[in-house]
Amino acid sequence: NEHEPKPPSGVPPTPKHFDKQGKYWFKRMADELDAIGVMSQLDARALELLVEAYTEYRHHCDTLEVEGYTYRTETQSGDVLIKAHPAAIMKADAWKRLRAMLGEFGMTPASRSKVNAKGPDAVDPLTEFMNARD
């Protein structure tokens, strides 16, 4: 879109409320996105949501690795039930949010082709052809 607003590019400041892991991933992802020309100062909040979803997802993965995906419990009558660990459900929810945010930044193979990276101004071949005809 040639009339699209052009916000200032560059890596936004890391949110102060992030823990050590959040700060690491914010900086790393921001640098990676900036290197391919899709990061701007206005993307700070969207990147913050992406990093929050990612760190939450990793936290649930770590919990499940230690505690397992299921747990046993007994009913009042003594029957044994095997239930899904609550972290498994939270992990699935975090994955949905993470996947959506990865797509917004073109960080999956399928979504990468839909993101326009800022690159050097290229000449549009159709415009060049039409101008040559005049």
Foldseek 3Di string as FASTA:
>chain_A
DVPDDDAAFDQADQDPPDDPQLSVVSVVVSVVLSVQAQGHNVCRVLSSQLSVLVVLLVVLVVVCVVVNQWDWDADPVGDIDIGGDPSVVVNVVSVVSNVVSCLVSLNDPVSVVVDDGDDPDDDDPVVVVVVVVD
